[in-house]
Each structure stands twice: as structure tokens, then as C-alpha cells.
Amino acid sequence: MVSPAAWSGTRPGPNRRTTLRRGGSLLALAPLLAACSGSSDAASEANAGYVSGDGVVVEIPPEGRADPLEIRGTTYDGDDFDSTALRGAPLLINVWYASCPPCRVEAPALDAAHSEYGPRGVEFIGVNTRDEAGPAAAFEETFDIIYPSIPDPDGAVIASMDGSVSPNAVPTTLILDAEGRVAARITGAADQSTLESLLETVLEEGA
């Protein structure tokens, strides 16, 4: 099991932000350009509560959040990861791969967020959709990413996210609340100010 206290990395970032509320269903956003790999299935994503877009931010208030996610896998270092063991703390999940240009753009912001919010109790995990250990490690070394990632070449980890992430929308960042429910999603490159705002929100909920 990866030790929650073992992952702690500061650098720069405006994203559009939309708060969705459920009264049975979520409000739909107008579809924008998809992220790195491009997903145009807006209808299916709207049914899941999200629409692909470049830099689109969706927040879900506590009363509108779906059931907790259960994400399990083995990191590149061979450690078992189980998100249910981290309940009680917010969890940031970043879906990426090394040759994705927006993933490289957002990496400094993720590094800075991890440096600031890891010590404050936020857990971080990456989900890599393509890379073998070598390219993934080279990316992490270049951008000082020290939290672990799970390789997911067959899409099993993304499939376990219950439609919260489109397999073709990379990068995507999810922020789970302390109960493991999706509190926010960024589709496309995340910037530092947006990450900080979203993380502050989930931390304040548990205060």
C-alpha cells in the first residue's frame, strides 16, 4: 500500500468554472473542444454529468455528488493503491501520459499544488493511460512530480471511475471529497489558481 504521508513538490495560472447542481439531473454545459486526444461524444458525457472541453471546470456541491469512487491499481513502483483506504482526506486524481502536450503544460501547476496541499492532507495519484515505466519516469523527473501514478493501458482504472472520465479526454483531473465522491473535474490542462481554489473548497468542507 502506498503510504498517504509519503507524497509531498511551487509554481504557476484562469479557467472557466461552472457549478452543476442536481435536482435529479445535472445541468449540461455546451460542448467545447476536447482535450489532448479528443472526445466528441457530448451526449454520453452529458448523461454522466460532464462535457469534454479544453480547460472546462465543473464543480458539484455536496448535495449533488454521486456515490464514492473506488479506484484500485498498482503503481509503477509496484505498490498497491486503493482509494478507499484514503477516505477521510480529499484525493486529486490526474489522468495523463507523457507525450500529451496539455499534460506537460499543467505539470508545474500539479507539482505546485502537491507541494502546497500534500502537507495539508490532500492525497495525489496519477493515472497514466499509455506509458511504460521509462517514459513515465522521465516525465516525472522533468517536472518534479513525486506522487505516484498507476499505469492503465487497458483502461480498467478509468472504467472504474463510473463515467467521470472519458478515456479520450486527457488530461483530466478529478478532485474527490473526503468521502471519495467527485467534487470537481477539470477537463484539459489545469492551472494553479484553479487547482488551489478547488482544493481549498474541499478542505473547508471537512474543517
N, C-alpha and C. Protein backbone atom coordinates (compact mmCIF):
# COMPACT_ATOMS: atom_id res chain seq x y z
N MET A 1 0.84 -1.19 0.00
CA MET A 1 0.00 0.00 0.00
C MET A 1 0.88 1.24 0.00
N VAL A 2 0.55 2.22 -0.83
CA VAL A 2 1.30 3.47 -0.86
C VAL A 2 0.98 4.25 0.40
N SER A 3 1.99 4.72 1.10
CA SER A 3 1.79 5.47 2.33
C SER A 3 1.24 6.85 2.03
N PRO A 4 0.08 7.26 2.62
CA PRO A 4 -0.51 8.56 2.34
C PRO A 4 0.42 9.72 2.66
N ALA A 5 1.30 9.52 3.64
CA ALA A 5 2.17 10.63 4.05
C ALA A 5 3.41 10.75 3.20
N ALA A 6 3.62 9.81 2.28
CA ALA A 6 4.89 9.75 1.57
C ALA A 6 4.96 10.64 0.35
N TRP A 7 3.86 11.26 -0.02
CA TRP A 7 3.85 12.00 -1.28
C TRP A 7 3.74 13.50 -1.01
N SER A 8 4.80 14.18 -0.88
CA SER A 8 4.67 15.60 -0.79
C SER A 8 5.56 16.33 -1.78
N GLY A 9 6.03 18.40 -3.61
CA GLY A 9 6.63 19.13 -4.51
C GLY A 9 6.63 20.50 -4.56
N THR A 10 6.95 24.77 -5.91
CA THR A 10 5.74 25.56 -6.05
C THR A 10 5.93 26.38 -7.28
N ARG A 11 4.83 26.43 -8.18
CA ARG A 11 4.89 27.10 -9.47
C ARG A 11 3.56 27.56 -10.03
N PRO A 12 3.49 28.31 -11.29
CA PRO A 12 2.20 28.79 -11.76
C PRO A 12 1.30 27.83 -12.33
N GLY A 13 -1.38 30.57 -12.92
CA GLY A 13 -2.34 30.28 -13.67
C GLY A 13 -3.55 30.80 -13.99
N PRO A 14 -6.47 31.27 -15.95
CA PRO A 14 -7.84 31.34 -15.46
C PRO A 14 -8.67 30.33 -16.21
N ASN A 15 -9.36 29.57 -15.62
CA ASN A 15 -10.21 28.59 -16.26
C ASN A 15 -11.67 28.99 -16.08
N ARG A 16 -12.50 28.55 -17.06
CA ARG A 16 -13.90 28.76 -16.88
C ARG A 16 -14.40 27.79 -15.85
N ARG A 17 -15.35 28.23 -15.04
CA ARG A 17 -15.78 27.42 -13.94
C ARG A 17 -17.29 27.36 -13.92
N THR A 18 -17.87 26.19 -13.81
CA THR A 18 -19.31 26.04 -13.79
C THR A 18 -19.69 25.16 -12.62
N THR A 19 -20.66 25.61 -11.83
CA THR A 19 -21.15 24.77 -10.74
C THR A 19 -22.43 24.09 -11.21
N LEU A 20 -22.46 22.76 -11.16
CA LEU A 20 -23.63 22.00 -11.56
C LEU A 20 -24.36 21.55 -10.31
N ARG A 21 -25.66 21.63 -10.35
CA ARG A 21 -26.46 21.17 -9.23
C ARG A 21 -27.44 20.12 -9.72
N ARG A 22 -27.67 19.13 -8.87
CA ARG A 22 -28.59 18.07 -9.23
C ARG A 22 -29.92 18.27 -8.54
N GLY A 23 -30.95 18.17 -9.31
CA GLY A 23 -32.27 18.07 -8.76
C GLY A 23 -32.87 16.87 -9.45
N GLY A 24 -32.11 15.83 -9.57
CA GLY A 24 -32.43 14.66 -10.34
C GLY A 24 -31.46 14.51 -11.47
N SER A 25 -31.06 15.58 -12.13
CA SER A 25 -30.08 15.51 -13.20
C SER A 25 -29.22 16.75 -13.16
N LEU A 26 -28.04 16.65 -13.75
CA LEU A 26 -27.12 17.79 -13.77
C LEU A 26 -27.42 18.68 -14.96
N LEU A 27 -27.16 19.96 -14.80
CA LEU A 27 -27.26 20.88 -15.92
C LEU A 27 -26.17 20.57 -16.92
N ALA A 28 -26.45 20.73 -18.19
CA ALA A 28 -25.46 20.41 -19.23
C ALA A 28 -24.71 21.66 -19.63
N LEU A 29 -23.44 21.47 -19.92
CA LEU A 29 -22.63 22.54 -20.48
C LEU A 29 -22.60 22.39 -21.99
N ALA A 30 -22.42 23.51 -22.69
CA ALA A 30 -22.23 23.43 -24.13
C ALA A 30 -20.90 22.78 -24.41
N PRO A 31 -20.86 21.80 -25.33
CA PRO A 31 -19.60 21.12 -25.61
C PRO A 31 -18.58 22.05 -26.23
N LEU A 32 -17.33 21.92 -25.79
CA LEU A 32 -16.21 22.66 -26.36
C LEU A 32 -15.26 21.68 -26.98
N LEU A 33 -14.10 22.16 -27.42
CA LEU A 33 -13.11 21.27 -27.99
C LEU A 33 -12.66 20.27 -26.96
N ALA A 34 -12.45 19.04 -27.39
CA ALA A 34 -12.00 18.00 -26.46
C ALA A 34 -10.55 18.24 -26.09
N ALA A 35 -10.08 17.51 -25.08
CA ALA A 35 -8.71 17.69 -24.61
C ALA A 35 -7.74 17.01 -25.55
N CYS A 36 -6.63 16.52 -25.03
CA CYS A 36 -5.50 16.13 -25.87
C CYS A 36 -5.86 15.16 -26.98
N SER A 37 -6.57 14.08 -26.64
CA SER A 37 -6.84 13.06 -27.64
C SER A 37 -8.16 13.28 -28.35
N GLY A 38 -9.05 14.10 -27.79
CA GLY A 38 -10.27 14.47 -28.48
C GLY A 38 -11.39 13.48 -28.33
N SER A 39 -12.43 13.83 -27.58
CA SER A 39 -13.64 13.03 -27.48
C SER A 39 -14.80 13.91 -27.88
N SER A 40 -15.63 13.48 -28.83
CA SER A 40 -16.72 14.32 -29.29
C SER A 40 -18.07 13.76 -28.92
N ASP A 41 -18.12 12.72 -28.06
CA ASP A 41 -19.38 12.11 -27.69
C ASP A 41 -20.02 12.91 -26.57
N ALA A 42 -20.49 14.11 -26.91
CA ALA A 42 -21.01 15.03 -25.89
C ALA A 42 -22.25 14.48 -25.22
N ALA A 43 -23.08 13.77 -25.96
CA ALA A 43 -24.32 13.28 -25.38
C ALA A 43 -24.06 12.30 -24.24
N SER A 44 -23.18 11.34 -24.47
CA SER A 44 -22.90 10.36 -23.43
C SER A 44 -22.24 11.01 -22.24
N GLU A 45 -21.38 12.01 -22.48
CA GLU A 45 -20.72 12.68 -21.38
C GLU A 45 -21.71 13.52 -20.59
N ALA A 46 -22.68 14.14 -21.27
CA ALA A 46 -23.68 14.92 -20.56
C ALA A 46 -24.50 14.01 -19.65
N ASN A 47 -24.80 12.79 -20.12
CA ASN A 47 -25.53 11.84 -19.29
C ASN A 47 -24.74 11.48 -18.05
N ALA A 48 -23.43 11.50 -18.14
CA ALA A 48 -22.59 11.19 -16.99
C ALA A 48 -22.39 12.42 -16.10
N GLY A 49 -22.89 13.57 -16.52
CA GLY A 49 -22.77 14.77 -15.71
C GLY A 49 -21.67 15.69 -16.15
N TYR A 50 -20.96 15.38 -17.22
CA TYR A 50 -19.85 16.19 -17.65
C TYR A 50 -19.84 16.32 -19.16
N VAL A 51 -19.18 17.34 -19.64
CA VAL A 51 -18.97 17.52 -21.08
C VAL A 51 -17.50 17.80 -21.31
N SER A 52 -16.91 17.12 -22.29
CA SER A 52 -15.50 17.33 -22.58
C SER A 52 -15.24 18.77 -22.97
N GLY A 53 -14.05 19.24 -22.68
CA GLY A 53 -13.69 20.59 -23.09
C GLY A 53 -12.27 20.89 -22.72
N ASP A 54 -11.71 21.91 -23.30
CA ASP A 54 -10.35 22.31 -23.02
C ASP A 54 -10.35 23.34 -21.90
N GLY A 55 -10.00 22.93 -20.70
CA GLY A 55 -9.99 23.82 -19.57
C GLY A 55 -11.35 24.03 -18.93
N VAL A 56 -12.34 23.19 -19.25
CA VAL A 56 -13.66 23.32 -18.64
C VAL A 56 -13.61 22.78 -17.21
N VAL A 57 -14.12 23.56 -16.27
CA VAL A 57 -14.14 23.17 -14.86
C VAL A 57 -15.59 22.97 -14.43
N VAL A 58 -15.85 21.84 -13.78
CA VAL A 58 -17.17 21.55 -13.26
C VAL A 58 -17.05 21.30 -11.77
N GLU A 59 -17.85 22.00 -10.97
CA GLU A 59 -17.92 21.75 -9.54
C GLU A 59 -19.29 21.18 -9.20
N ILE A 60 -19.34 20.27 -8.25
CA ILE A 60 -20.59 19.67 -7.81
C ILE A 60 -20.73 19.92 -6.31
N PRO A 61 -21.79 20.55 -5.88
CA PRO A 61 -21.97 20.80 -4.45
C PRO A 61 -22.21 19.49 -3.71
N PRO A 62 -21.97 19.45 -2.42
CA PRO A 62 -22.08 18.20 -1.67
C PRO A 62 -23.41 17.47 -1.85
N GLU A 63 -24.50 18.21 -1.92
CA GLU A 63 -25.80 17.56 -2.02
C GLU A 63 -26.04 16.93 -3.40
N GLY A 64 -25.22 17.27 -4.38
CA GLY A 64 -25.42 16.74 -5.72
C GLY A 64 -24.42 15.68 -6.13
N ARG A 65 -23.54 15.28 -5.24
CA ARG A 65 -22.48 14.33 -5.60
C ARG A 65 -22.97 12.89 -5.63
N ALA A 66 -22.41 12.14 -6.56
CA ALA A 66 -22.77 10.73 -6.73
C ALA A 66 -22.05 9.87 -5.70
N ASP A 67 -22.22 8.57 -5.82
CA ASP A 67 -21.61 7.64 -4.88
C ASP A 67 -20.09 7.72 -4.95
N PRO A 68 -19.41 7.36 -3.86
CA PRO A 68 -17.94 7.39 -3.86
C PRO A 68 -17.35 6.49 -4.93
N LEU A 69 -16.22 6.91 -5.48
CA LEU A 69 -15.47 6.08 -6.42
C LEU A 69 -14.57 5.12 -5.64
N GLU A 70 -14.30 3.99 -6.24
CA GLU A 70 -13.35 3.03 -5.68
C GLU A 70 -12.31 2.74 -6.75
N ILE A 71 -11.13 3.28 -6.56
CA ILE A 71 -10.07 3.20 -7.56
C ILE A 71 -8.93 2.37 -7.00
N ARG A 72 -8.59 1.33 -7.72
CA ARG A 72 -7.52 0.43 -7.27
C ARG A 72 -6.57 0.16 -8.43
N GLY A 73 -5.33 -0.06 -8.08
CA GLY A 73 -4.33 -0.39 -9.10
C GLY A 73 -2.98 -0.57 -8.46
N THR A 74 -1.98 -0.81 -9.31
CA THR A 74 -0.60 -0.98 -8.86
C THR A 74 0.23 0.10 -9.50
N THR A 75 0.98 0.85 -8.70
CA THR A 75 1.78 1.96 -9.22
C THR A 75 2.98 1.44 -10.01
N TYR A 76 3.64 2.36 -10.71
CA TYR A 76 4.87 1.98 -11.43
C TYR A 76 5.92 1.40 -10.48
N ASP A 77 5.89 1.79 -9.22
CA ASP A 77 6.86 1.27 -8.25
C ASP A 77 6.44 -0.07 -7.66
N GLY A 78 5.28 -0.58 -8.08
CA GLY A 78 4.83 -1.89 -7.60
C GLY A 78 4.04 -1.85 -6.32
N ASP A 79 3.63 -0.65 -5.89
CA ASP A 79 2.83 -0.52 -4.67
C ASP A 79 1.34 -0.60 -5.01
N ASP A 80 0.59 -1.26 -4.13
CA ASP A 80 -0.86 -1.31 -4.30
C ASP A 80 -1.48 0.02 -3.90
N PHE A 81 -2.43 0.47 -4.71
CA PHE A 81 -3.17 1.70 -4.41
C PHE A 81 -4.64 1.36 -4.30
N ASP A 82 -5.28 1.86 -3.24
CA ASP A 82 -6.70 1.66 -3.03
C ASP A 82 -7.27 2.96 -2.47
N SER A 83 -8.09 3.64 -3.26
CA SER A 83 -8.59 4.95 -2.83
C SER A 83 -9.47 4.85 -1.59
N THR A 84 -10.08 3.70 -1.35
CA THR A 84 -10.95 3.57 -0.18
C THR A 84 -10.15 3.68 1.12
N ALA A 85 -8.85 3.34 1.06
CA ALA A 85 -8.00 3.45 2.25
C ALA A 85 -7.68 4.90 2.60
N LEU A 86 -7.97 5.82 1.67
CA LEU A 86 -7.66 7.24 1.87
C LEU A 86 -8.89 8.04 2.25
N ARG A 87 -10.03 7.37 2.47
CA ARG A 87 -11.24 8.09 2.85
C ARG A 87 -10.98 8.87 4.13
N GLY A 88 -11.55 10.06 4.19
CA GLY A 88 -11.28 10.97 5.29
C GLY A 88 -10.40 12.12 4.87
N ALA A 89 -9.81 12.01 3.67
CA ALA A 89 -8.97 13.08 3.11
C ALA A 89 -9.36 13.28 1.65
N PRO A 90 -9.27 14.52 1.15
CA PRO A 90 -9.51 14.73 -0.28
C PRO A 90 -8.45 14.01 -1.12
N LEU A 91 -8.82 13.66 -2.33
CA LEU A 91 -7.90 12.97 -3.25
C LEU A 91 -7.97 13.64 -4.61
N LEU A 92 -6.80 14.02 -5.14
CA LEU A 92 -6.71 14.55 -6.50
C LEU A 92 -6.22 13.43 -7.41
N ILE A 93 -6.94 13.19 -8.49
CA ILE A 93 -6.59 12.18 -9.48
C ILE A 93 -6.33 12.88 -10.80
N ASN A 94 -5.13 12.69 -11.35
CA ASN A 94 -4.78 13.31 -12.63
C ASN A 94 -4.54 12.23 -13.67
N VAL A 95 -5.29 12.28 -14.76
CA VAL A 95 -5.14 11.34 -15.87
C VAL A 95 -4.24 11.96 -16.92
N TRP A 96 -3.18 11.25 -17.31
CA TRP A 96 -2.15 11.86 -18.14
C TRP A 96 -1.39 10.81 -18.94
N TYR A 97 -0.55 11.27 -19.88
CA TYR A 97 0.52 10.47 -20.46
C TYR A 97 1.60 11.41 -20.96
N ALA A 98 2.80 10.90 -21.11
CA ALA A 98 3.99 11.75 -21.23
C ALA A 98 4.01 12.61 -22.49
N SER A 99 3.53 12.12 -23.62
CA SER A 99 3.63 12.87 -24.86
C SER A 99 2.43 13.77 -25.13
N CYS A 100 1.51 13.87 -24.18
CA CYS A 100 0.34 14.74 -24.32
C CYS A 100 0.74 16.18 -24.02
N PRO A 101 0.68 17.10 -25.01
CA PRO A 101 1.13 18.48 -24.77
C PRO A 101 0.44 19.18 -23.60
N PRO A 102 -0.90 19.09 -23.46
CA PRO A 102 -1.51 19.77 -22.30
C PRO A 102 -1.06 19.18 -20.96
N CYS A 103 -0.69 17.89 -20.96
CA CYS A 103 -0.20 17.28 -19.73
C CYS A 103 1.11 17.94 -19.30
N ARG A 104 1.93 18.29 -20.28
CA ARG A 104 3.19 18.96 -19.98
C ARG A 104 2.96 20.40 -19.53
N VAL A 105 1.95 21.04 -20.11
CA VAL A 105 1.61 22.41 -19.72
C VAL A 105 1.17 22.46 -18.26
N GLU A 106 0.35 21.51 -17.84
CA GLU A 106 -0.22 21.57 -16.50
C GLU A 106 0.69 20.98 -15.42
N ALA A 107 1.75 20.28 -15.81
CA ALA A 107 2.59 19.59 -14.83
C ALA A 107 3.15 20.51 -13.74
N PRO A 108 3.68 21.70 -14.07
CA PRO A 108 4.16 22.58 -12.99
C PRO A 108 3.07 22.97 -12.00
N ALA A 109 1.84 23.16 -12.48
CA ALA A 109 0.73 23.50 -11.58
C ALA A 109 0.41 22.35 -10.64
N LEU A 110 0.47 21.13 -11.16
CA LEU A 110 0.22 19.96 -10.31
C LEU A 110 1.34 19.78 -9.28
N ASP A 111 2.56 20.01 -9.71
CA ASP A 111 3.70 19.95 -8.80
C ASP A 111 3.53 20.96 -7.67
N ALA A 112 3.16 22.19 -8.03
CA ALA A 112 2.97 23.24 -7.02
C ALA A 112 1.82 22.91 -6.08
N ALA A 113 0.73 22.39 -6.64
CA ALA A 113 -0.42 22.03 -5.81
C ALA A 113 -0.05 20.92 -4.83
N HIS A 114 0.72 19.95 -5.31
CA HIS A 114 1.14 18.86 -4.44
C HIS A 114 2.04 19.37 -3.32
N SER A 115 2.95 20.28 -3.65
CA SER A 115 3.85 20.85 -2.64
C SER A 115 3.08 21.59 -1.56
N GLU A 116 2.02 22.31 -1.97
CA GLU A 116 1.26 23.10 -1.01
C GLU A 116 0.23 22.29 -0.25
N TYR A 117 -0.49 21.41 -0.96
CA TYR A 117 -1.64 20.76 -0.35
C TYR A 117 -1.36 19.33 0.14
N GLY A 118 -0.28 18.71 -0.33
CA GLY A 118 0.09 17.41 0.23
C GLY A 118 0.30 17.50 1.74
N PRO A 119 1.09 18.46 2.23
CA PRO A 119 1.27 18.60 3.67
C PRO A 119 0.00 18.96 4.43
N ARG A 120 -1.01 19.43 3.72
CA ARG A 120 -2.27 19.79 4.37
C ARG A 120 -3.29 18.65 4.33
N GLY A 121 -2.85 17.49 3.86
CA GLY A 121 -3.70 16.31 3.94
C GLY A 121 -4.35 15.87 2.65
N VAL A 122 -4.13 16.58 1.55
CA VAL A 122 -4.69 16.15 0.27
C VAL A 122 -3.80 15.06 -0.32
N GLU A 123 -4.41 13.97 -0.75
CA GLU A 123 -3.68 12.89 -1.40
C GLU A 123 -3.68 13.10 -2.91
N PHE A 124 -2.63 12.61 -3.59
CA PHE A 124 -2.49 12.76 -5.03
C PHE A 124 -2.17 11.40 -5.65
N ILE A 125 -2.77 11.12 -6.81
CA ILE A 125 -2.43 9.92 -7.58
C ILE A 125 -2.58 10.25 -9.07
N GLY A 126 -1.66 9.76 -9.87
CA GLY A 126 -1.77 9.89 -11.32
C GLY A 126 -2.29 8.59 -11.91
N VAL A 127 -2.96 8.69 -13.04
CA VAL A 127 -3.38 7.52 -13.82
C VAL A 127 -2.86 7.74 -15.23
N ASN A 128 -1.91 6.91 -15.64
CA ASN A 128 -1.25 7.07 -16.94
C ASN A 128 -1.87 6.11 -17.94
N THR A 129 -2.37 6.66 -19.04
CA THR A 129 -3.14 5.85 -19.98
C THR A 129 -2.32 5.14 -21.05
N ARG A 130 -1.00 5.44 -21.15
CA ARG A 130 -0.25 4.90 -22.30
C ARG A 130 1.15 4.39 -22.00
N ASP A 131 1.85 4.99 -21.05
CA ASP A 131 3.30 4.86 -20.99
C ASP A 131 3.80 3.65 -20.22
N GLU A 132 4.91 3.10 -20.72
CA GLU A 132 5.69 2.16 -19.93
C GLU A 132 6.41 2.95 -18.84
N ALA A 133 7.07 2.22 -17.95
CA ALA A 133 7.70 2.87 -16.78
C ALA A 133 8.74 3.90 -17.17
N GLY A 134 9.54 3.63 -18.22
CA GLY A 134 10.62 4.53 -18.60
C GLY A 134 10.14 5.92 -19.00
N PRO A 135 9.26 6.04 -20.00
CA PRO A 135 8.77 7.37 -20.38
C PRO A 135 8.03 8.08 -19.24
N ALA A 136 7.29 7.32 -18.44
CA ALA A 136 6.57 7.93 -17.32
C ALA A 136 7.55 8.51 -16.31
N ALA A 137 8.61 7.76 -16.02
CA ALA A 137 9.61 8.23 -15.05
C ALA A 137 10.35 9.46 -15.58
N ALA A 138 10.63 9.49 -16.89
CA ALA A 138 11.32 10.64 -17.48
C ALA A 138 10.47 11.90 -17.36
N PHE A 139 9.17 11.76 -17.61
CA PHE A 139 8.25 12.89 -17.46
C PHE A 139 8.24 13.38 -16.02
N GLU A 140 8.12 12.46 -15.09
CA GLU A 140 8.05 12.83 -13.67
C GLU A 140 9.34 13.49 -13.20
N GLU A 141 10.46 13.03 -13.71
CA GLU A 141 11.73 13.65 -13.34
C GLU A 141 11.85 15.07 -13.92
N THR A 142 11.41 15.23 -15.16
CA THR A 142 11.48 16.53 -15.81
C THR A 142 10.66 17.58 -15.06
N PHE A 143 9.49 17.17 -14.58
CA PHE A 143 8.56 18.12 -13.97
C PHE A 143 8.47 17.99 -12.46
N ASP A 144 9.40 17.25 -11.86
CA ASP A 144 9.46 17.13 -10.40
C ASP A 144 8.18 16.57 -9.79
N ILE A 145 7.54 15.66 -10.50
CA ILE A 145 6.32 15.03 -9.97
C ILE A 145 6.75 13.86 -9.09
N ILE A 146 6.46 13.95 -7.79
CA ILE A 146 6.92 12.90 -6.89
C ILE A 146 5.80 12.03 -6.33
N TYR A 147 4.54 12.40 -6.57
CA TYR A 147 3.46 11.49 -6.16
C TYR A 147 3.35 10.34 -7.18
N PRO A 148 2.81 9.20 -6.79
CA PRO A 148 2.83 8.02 -7.66
C PRO A 148 1.78 8.08 -8.76
N SER A 149 1.98 7.23 -9.77
CA SER A 149 0.99 7.04 -10.83
C SER A 149 0.75 5.56 -11.06
N ILE A 150 -0.44 5.25 -11.50
CA ILE A 150 -0.84 3.89 -11.86
C ILE A 150 -0.86 3.78 -13.38
N PRO A 151 -0.14 2.84 -13.97
CA PRO A 151 -0.28 2.62 -15.41
C PRO A 151 -1.64 1.98 -15.70
N ASP A 152 -2.32 2.48 -16.73
CA ASP A 152 -3.66 1.98 -17.05
C ASP A 152 -3.82 1.81 -18.55
N PRO A 153 -2.95 1.02 -19.20
CA PRO A 153 -3.01 0.90 -20.66
C PRO A 153 -4.28 0.23 -21.18
N ASP A 154 -4.92 -0.60 -20.34
CA ASP A 154 -6.14 -1.27 -20.79
C ASP A 154 -7.40 -0.53 -20.39
N GLY A 155 -7.25 0.60 -19.70
CA GLY A 155 -8.40 1.43 -19.35
C GLY A 155 -9.22 0.93 -18.18
N ALA A 156 -8.73 -0.06 -17.46
CA ALA A 156 -9.52 -0.63 -16.36
C ALA A 156 -9.73 0.36 -15.22
N VAL A 157 -8.69 1.16 -14.92
CA VAL A 157 -8.83 2.12 -13.83
C VAL A 157 -9.82 3.21 -14.20
N ILE A 158 -9.70 3.73 -15.43
CA ILE A 158 -10.64 4.75 -15.88
C ILE A 158 -12.06 4.20 -15.90
N ALA A 159 -12.22 2.94 -16.32
CA ALA A 159 -13.55 2.33 -16.33
C ALA A 159 -14.16 2.28 -14.94
N SER A 160 -13.32 2.14 -13.93
CA SER A 160 -13.82 2.07 -12.56
C SER A 160 -14.30 3.41 -12.03
N MET A 161 -14.09 4.48 -12.79
CA MET A 161 -14.49 5.81 -12.35
C MET A 161 -15.93 6.15 -12.73
N ASP A 162 -16.68 5.16 -13.17
CA ASP A 162 -18.12 5.30 -13.38
C ASP A 162 -18.50 6.46 -14.30
N GLY A 163 -17.76 6.64 -15.39
CA GLY A 163 -18.11 7.66 -16.36
C GLY A 163 -17.63 9.05 -16.02
N SER A 164 -16.89 9.21 -14.92
CA SER A 164 -16.40 10.54 -14.55
C SER A 164 -15.29 11.03 -15.46
N VAL A 165 -14.62 10.10 -16.17
CA VAL A 165 -13.53 10.45 -17.07
C VAL A 165 -13.75 9.77 -18.41
N SER A 166 -13.73 10.53 -19.49
CA SER A 166 -13.75 9.94 -20.82
C SER A 166 -12.36 9.40 -21.15
N PRO A 167 -12.26 8.17 -21.67
CA PRO A 167 -10.94 7.61 -22.00
C PRO A 167 -10.14 8.48 -22.96
N ASN A 168 -10.83 9.29 -23.77
CA ASN A 168 -10.16 10.10 -24.77
C ASN A 168 -9.89 11.53 -24.31
N ALA A 169 -10.35 11.89 -23.12
CA ALA A 169 -10.19 13.26 -22.63
C ALA A 169 -9.00 13.32 -21.69
N VAL A 170 -7.82 13.51 -22.27
CA VAL A 170 -6.59 13.57 -21.49
C VAL A 170 -5.90 14.90 -21.78
N PRO A 171 -5.51 15.66 -20.77
CA PRO A 171 -5.60 15.34 -19.36
C PRO A 171 -6.98 15.62 -18.77
N THR A 172 -7.29 14.91 -17.70
CA THR A 172 -8.45 15.19 -16.88
C THR A 172 -8.01 15.11 -15.42
N THR A 173 -8.52 16.02 -14.61
CA THR A 173 -8.23 15.99 -13.18
C THR A 173 -9.53 15.93 -12.40
N LEU A 174 -9.63 14.95 -11.51
CA LEU A 174 -10.76 14.85 -10.60
C LEU A 174 -10.31 15.21 -9.21
N ILE A 175 -11.18 15.87 -8.47
CA ILE A 175 -10.95 16.11 -7.05
C ILE A 175 -12.08 15.43 -6.28
N LEU A 176 -11.71 14.46 -5.46
CA LEU A 176 -12.69 13.75 -4.65
C LEU A 176 -12.74 14.37 -3.26
N ASP A 177 -13.93 14.41 -2.68
CA ASP A 177 -14.05 14.91 -1.32
C ASP A 177 -13.61 13.84 -0.32
N ALA A 178 -13.71 14.14 0.96
CA ALA A 178 -13.22 13.22 1.98
C ALA A 178 -13.99 11.91 2.01
N GLU A 179 -15.17 11.88 1.39
CA GLU A 179 -15.96 10.66 1.32
C GLU A 179 -15.67 9.86 0.05
N GLY A 180 -14.82 10.39 -0.81
CA GLY A 180 -14.50 9.71 -2.05
C GLY A 180 -15.41 10.04 -3.20
N ARG A 181 -16.24 11.07 -3.05
CA ARG A 181 -17.16 11.47 -4.11
C ARG A 181 -16.53 12.55 -4.99
N VAL A 182 -16.88 12.57 -6.28
CA VAL A 182 -16.35 13.58 -7.18
C VAL A 182 -16.93 14.94 -6.81
N ALA A 183 -16.05 15.85 -6.41
CA ALA A 183 -16.46 17.21 -6.05
C ALA A 183 -16.18 18.19 -7.18
N ALA A 184 -15.21 17.87 -8.04
CA ALA A 184 -14.85 18.76 -9.15
C ALA A 184 -14.12 17.99 -10.22
N ARG A 185 -14.21 18.51 -11.43
CA ARG A 185 -13.47 17.92 -12.55
C ARG A 185 -12.96 19.05 -13.44
N ILE A 186 -11.71 18.89 -13.89
CA ILE A 186 -11.12 19.77 -14.89
C ILE A 186 -10.81 18.92 -16.11
N THR A 187 -11.40 19.26 -17.24
CA THR A 187 -11.11 18.56 -18.48
C THR A 187 -10.21 19.45 -19.32
N GLY A 188 -9.01 19.01 -19.56
CA GLY A 188 -8.00 19.84 -20.21
C GLY A 188 -6.96 20.24 -19.18
N ALA A 189 -6.01 21.07 -19.60
CA ALA A 189 -4.92 21.45 -18.72
C ALA A 189 -5.42 22.26 -17.54
N ALA A 190 -5.00 21.85 -16.34
CA ALA A 190 -5.36 22.56 -15.11
C ALA A 190 -4.36 23.67 -14.85
N ASP A 191 -4.83 24.81 -14.36
CA ASP A 191 -3.90 25.85 -13.95
C ASP A 191 -3.85 25.93 -12.43
N GLN A 192 -2.80 26.55 -11.92
CA GLN A 192 -2.54 26.52 -10.49
C GLN A 192 -3.63 27.19 -9.68
N SER A 193 -4.10 28.35 -10.12
CA SER A 193 -5.11 29.07 -9.34
C SER A 193 -6.41 28.28 -9.23
N THR A 194 -6.78 27.59 -10.31
CA THR A 194 -8.00 26.78 -10.28
C THR A 194 -7.84 25.60 -9.33
N LEU A 195 -6.70 24.91 -9.42
CA LEU A 195 -6.45 23.80 -8.51
C LEU A 195 -6.51 24.26 -7.06
N GLU A 196 -5.89 25.39 -6.77
CA GLU A 196 -5.88 25.89 -5.40
C GLU A 196 -7.29 26.20 -4.91
N SER A 197 -8.09 26.83 -5.75
CA SER A 197 -9.45 27.17 -5.37
C SER A 197 -10.29 25.93 -5.09
N LEU A 198 -10.19 24.93 -5.98
CA LEU A 198 -10.98 23.70 -5.81
C LEU A 198 -10.54 22.92 -4.58
N LEU A 199 -9.24 22.87 -4.35
CA LEU A 199 -8.74 22.13 -3.19
C LEU A 199 -9.11 22.85 -1.89
N GLU A 200 -9.05 24.17 -1.89
CA GLU A 200 -9.47 24.91 -0.70
C GLU A 200 -10.93 24.61 -0.37
N THR A 201 -11.76 24.50 -1.41
CA THR A 201 -13.17 24.23 -1.19
C THR A 201 -13.38 22.90 -0.48
N VAL A 202 -12.74 21.83 -0.96
CA VAL A 202 -12.96 20.53 -0.33
C VAL A 202 -12.32 20.47 1.05
N LEU A 203 -11.23 21.18 1.26
CA LEU A 203 -10.65 21.21 2.60
C LEU A 203 -11.55 21.94 3.58
N GLU A 204 -12.16 23.03 3.13
CA GLU A 204 -13.06 23.78 4.01
C GLU A 204 -14.29 22.94 4.38
N GLU A 205 -14.73 22.08 3.47
CA GLU A 205 -15.89 21.22 3.78
C GLU A 205 -15.61 20.31 4.98
N GLY A 206 -14.36 19.88 5.10
CA GLY A 206 -14.01 18.97 6.18
C GLY A 206 -13.53 19.65 7.44
N ALA A 207 -13.48 21.00 7.41
CA ALA A 207 -12.96 21.72 8.56
C ALA A 207 -13.95 21.74 9.72
